[in-house]
Amino acid sequence: MYLLSDKKTLLKAILESYVYYKIVDKIKLINDCFNNYKFILNKVYNSIDPAEIKIVPSVLVAQNYIACDELEEMESGQLPKLKALSLALGISFFSIDFDLYKHEL
C-alpha cells in the first residue's frame, strides 16, 4: 500500500504502487508477515493458510490531499483515462480521515 503525502498526485501514487507491487517478492512478504504476526495472534493465525493471502497494489489517500480530490473526480467520471489505468493495473483505493485520530494533549 502506498500512502500519499499532501502534494503527490493520484497518478504518481498509482504508478509507484504498481511498480512496488511488481518488484516485491510476494512469497517472502507473505511468509514474513505471516510468521511475525503468528506469534502475536496465535489463535487467529492458526486458521489462516498463507497460500490464501493475496497481495494487491493499493493506494491509501488521506482527506484534504490533492490525490483525494482526484480520486473523487475519477470516481465521478471526470478522469476516465486515470480510471481506465487504475482498472487495467488492478489498483485498489482506500481513504482515511486523519482528523478522526487526532488527540488533544
C-alpha atoms as a PDB file:
ATOM      1  CA  MET A   1       0.000   0.000   0.000  1.00  0.00           C
ATOM      2  CA  TYR A   2       1.276   3.406  -0.929  1.00  0.00           C
ATOM      3  CA  LEU A   3       0.459   6.326   1.408  1.00  0.00           C
ATOM      4  CA  LEU A   4       0.382   9.727  -0.199  1.00  0.00           C
ATOM      5  CA  SER A   5       1.823  12.967   1.006  1.00  0.00           C
ATOM      6  CA  ASP A   6      -0.190  16.143   0.560  1.00  0.00           C
ATOM      7  CA  LYS A   7       1.442  17.164  -2.753  1.00  0.00           C
ATOM      8  CA  LYS A   8       1.572  13.872  -4.655  1.00  0.00           C
ATOM      9  CA  THR A   9      -0.890  13.240  -7.423  1.00  0.00           C
ATOM     10  CA  LEU A  10      -3.044  10.176  -7.740  1.00  0.00           C
ATOM     11  CA  LEU A  11      -1.291   9.247 -10.990  1.00  0.00           C
ATOM     12  CA  LYS A  12       2.089   9.164  -9.264  1.00  0.00           C
ATOM     13  CA  ALA A  13       0.658   7.051  -6.440  1.00  0.00           C
ATOM     14  CA  ILE A  14      -0.905   4.588  -8.884  1.00  0.00           C
ATOM     15  CA  LEU A  15       2.327   4.174 -10.806  1.00  0.00           C
ATOM     16  CA  GLU A  16       4.513   3.849  -7.703  1.00  0.00           C
ATOM     17  CA  SER A  17       2.154   1.355  -6.083  1.00  0.00           C
ATOM     18  CA  TYR A  18       2.148  -0.783  -9.209  1.00  0.00           C
ATOM     19  CA  VAL A  19       5.947  -0.682  -9.557  1.00  0.00           C
ATOM     20  CA  TYR A  20       6.383  -1.713  -5.906  1.00  0.00           C
ATOM     21  CA  TYR A  21       3.814  -4.478  -6.426  1.00  0.00           C
ATOM     22  CA  LYS A  22       5.742  -5.825  -9.419  1.00  0.00           C
ATOM     23  CA  ILE A  23       9.183  -5.813  -7.785  1.00  0.00           C
ATOM     24  CA  VAL A  24       8.350  -7.094  -4.294  1.00  0.00           C
ATOM     25  CA  ASP A  25       8.965 -10.753  -3.532  1.00  0.00           C
ATOM     26  CA  LYS A  26       5.341 -11.589  -2.741  1.00  0.00           C
ATOM     27  CA  ILE A  27       6.036 -15.037  -1.303  1.00  0.00           C
ATOM     28  CA  LYS A  28       8.689 -13.668   1.065  1.00  0.00           C
ATOM     29  CA  LEU A  29       6.399 -10.772   2.064  1.00  0.00           C
ATOM     30  CA  ILE A  30       3.539 -13.128   2.884  1.00  0.00           C
ATOM     31  CA  ASN A  31       5.753 -15.537   4.801  1.00  0.00           C
ATOM     32  CA  ASP A  32       7.499 -12.774   6.760  1.00  0.00           C
ATOM     33  CA  CYS A  33       4.224 -11.072   7.657  1.00  0.00           C
ATOM     34  CA  PHE A  34       2.508 -14.340   8.457  1.00  0.00           C
ATOM     35  CA  ASN A  35       5.345 -15.593  10.665  1.00  0.00           C
ATOM     36  CA  ASN A  36       5.702 -12.270  12.534  1.00  0.00           C
ATOM     37  CA  TYR A  37       2.008 -11.915  13.313  1.00  0.00           C
ATOM     38  CA  LYS A  38       1.552 -15.588  14.119  1.00  0.00           C
ATOM     39  CA  PHE A  39       3.294 -15.015  17.444  1.00  0.00           C
ATOM     40  CA  ILE A  40       1.019 -12.089  18.293  1.00  0.00           C
ATOM     41  CA  LEU A  41      -2.358 -13.509  17.305  1.00  0.00           C
ATOM     42  CA  ASN A  42      -1.758 -17.225  17.582  1.00  0.00           C
ATOM     43  CA  LYS A  43      -5.414 -18.320  17.674  1.00  0.00           C
ATOM     44  CA  VAL A  44      -6.409 -16.316  14.609  1.00  0.00           C
ATOM     45  CA  TYR A  45      -3.356 -17.180  12.534  1.00  0.00           C
ATOM     46  CA  ASN A  46      -3.586 -20.916  13.177  1.00  0.00           C
ATOM     47  CA  SER A  47      -6.696 -20.921  10.991  1.00  0.00           C
ATOM     48  CA  ILE A  48      -5.128 -18.908   8.124  1.00  0.00           C
ATOM     49  CA  ASP A  49      -3.367 -20.581   5.234  1.00  0.00           C
ATOM     50  CA  PRO A  50      -0.612 -18.305   3.861  1.00  0.00           C
ATOM     51  CA  ALA A  51      -1.345 -19.659   0.382  1.00  0.00           C
ATOM     52  CA  GLU A  52      -4.762 -17.960   0.539  1.00  0.00           C
ATOM     53  CA  ILE A  53      -3.333 -14.476   1.184  1.00  0.00           C
ATOM     54  CA  LYS A  54      -3.487 -12.236  -1.869  1.00  0.00           C
ATOM     55  CA  ILE A  55      -1.252  -9.199  -2.404  1.00  0.00           C
ATOM     56  CA  VAL A  56      -2.826  -6.373  -4.429  1.00  0.00           C
ATOM     57  CA  PRO A  57      -1.443  -2.987  -5.441  1.00  0.00           C
ATOM     58  CA  SER A  58      -3.170  -0.355  -3.313  1.00  0.00           C
ATOM     59  CA  VAL A  59      -3.164   3.377  -2.647  1.00  0.00           C
ATOM     60  CA  LEU A  60      -4.171   4.979   0.651  1.00  0.00           C
ATOM     61  CA  VAL A  61      -5.310   8.584   0.293  1.00  0.00           C
ATOM     62  CA  ALA A  62      -5.996  10.998   3.113  1.00  0.00           C
ATOM     63  CA  GLN A  63      -8.675  13.667   3.300  1.00  0.00           C
ATOM     64  CA  ASN A  64      -7.619  17.195   2.287  1.00  0.00           C
ATOM     65  CA  TYR A  65      -4.868  15.918  -0.021  1.00  0.00           C
ATOM     66  CA  ILE A  66      -4.698  16.593  -3.761  1.00  0.00           C
ATOM     67  CA  ALA A  67      -4.985  12.883  -4.516  1.00  0.00           C
ATOM     68  CA  CYS A  68      -8.188  12.583  -2.500  1.00  0.00           C
ATOM     69  CA  ASP A  69      -9.822  15.233  -4.665  1.00  0.00           C
ATOM     70  CA  GLU A  70      -8.513  13.459  -7.765  1.00  0.00           C
ATOM     71  CA  LEU A  71      -9.886  10.141  -6.520  1.00  0.00           C
ATOM     72  CA  GLU A  72     -13.324  11.705  -6.079  1.00  0.00           C
ATOM     73  CA  GLU A  73     -13.076  13.203  -9.582  1.00  0.00           C
ATOM     74  CA  MET A  74     -12.018   9.850 -11.018  1.00  0.00           C
ATOM     75  CA  GLU A  75     -14.895   8.027  -9.325  1.00  0.00           C
ATOM     76  CA  SER A  76     -17.376  10.600 -10.650  1.00  0.00           C
ATOM     77  CA  GLY A  77     -16.163  10.057 -14.220  1.00  0.00           C
ATOM     78  CA  GLN A  78     -14.187  13.277 -14.676  1.00  0.00           C
ATOM     79  CA  LEU A  79     -10.868  11.446 -15.151  1.00  0.00           C
ATOM     80  CA  PRO A  80     -11.741   8.481 -17.404  1.00  0.00           C
ATOM     81  CA  LYS A  81      -8.167   7.756 -18.534  1.00  0.00           C
ATOM     82  CA  LEU A  82      -6.919   7.638 -14.949  1.00  0.00           C
ATOM     83  CA  LYS A  83      -9.768   5.301 -14.049  1.00  0.00           C
ATOM     84  CA  ALA A  84      -9.004   3.078 -17.033  1.00  0.00           C
ATOM     85  CA  LEU A  85      -5.349   2.924 -15.999  1.00  0.00           C
ATOM     86  CA  SER A  86      -6.162   2.037 -12.398  1.00  0.00           C
ATOM     87  CA  LEU A  87      -8.571  -0.696 -13.539  1.00  0.00           C
ATOM     88  CA  ALA A  88      -6.038  -2.104 -16.006  1.00  0.00           C
ATOM     89  CA  LEU A  89      -3.371  -2.251 -13.288  1.00  0.00           C
ATOM     90  CA  GLY A  90      -5.750  -3.674 -10.662  1.00  0.00           C
ATOM     91  CA  ILE A  91      -5.198  -0.853  -8.169  1.00  0.00           C
ATOM     92  CA  SER A  92      -7.333  -0.771  -5.015  1.00  0.00           C
ATOM     93  CA  PHE A  93      -8.008   2.535  -3.255  1.00  0.00           C
ATOM     94  CA  PHE A  94      -8.536   3.253   0.413  1.00  0.00           C
ATOM     95  CA  SER A  95      -9.087   6.571   2.155  1.00  0.00           C
ATOM     96  CA  ILE A  96      -8.652   7.760   5.710  1.00  0.00           C
ATOM     97  CA  ASP A  97      -9.506  10.914   7.582  1.00  0.00           C
ATOM     98  CA  PHE A  98      -6.595  11.519   9.950  1.00  0.00           C
ATOM     99  CA  ASP A  99      -8.590  14.231  11.732  1.00  0.00           C
ATOM    100  CA  LEU A 100     -10.624  11.446  13.330  1.00  0.00           C
ATOM    101  CA  TYR A 101      -7.492  10.181  15.047  1.00  0.00           C
ATOM    102  CA  LYS A 102      -6.098  13.424  16.408  1.00  0.00           C
ATOM    103  CA  HIS A 103      -5.898  13.670  20.163  1.00  0.00           C
ATOM    104  CA  GLU A 104      -5.605  16.835  22.161  1.00  0.00           C
ATOM    105  CA  LEU A 105      -2.814  16.904  24.714  1.00  0.00           C
END
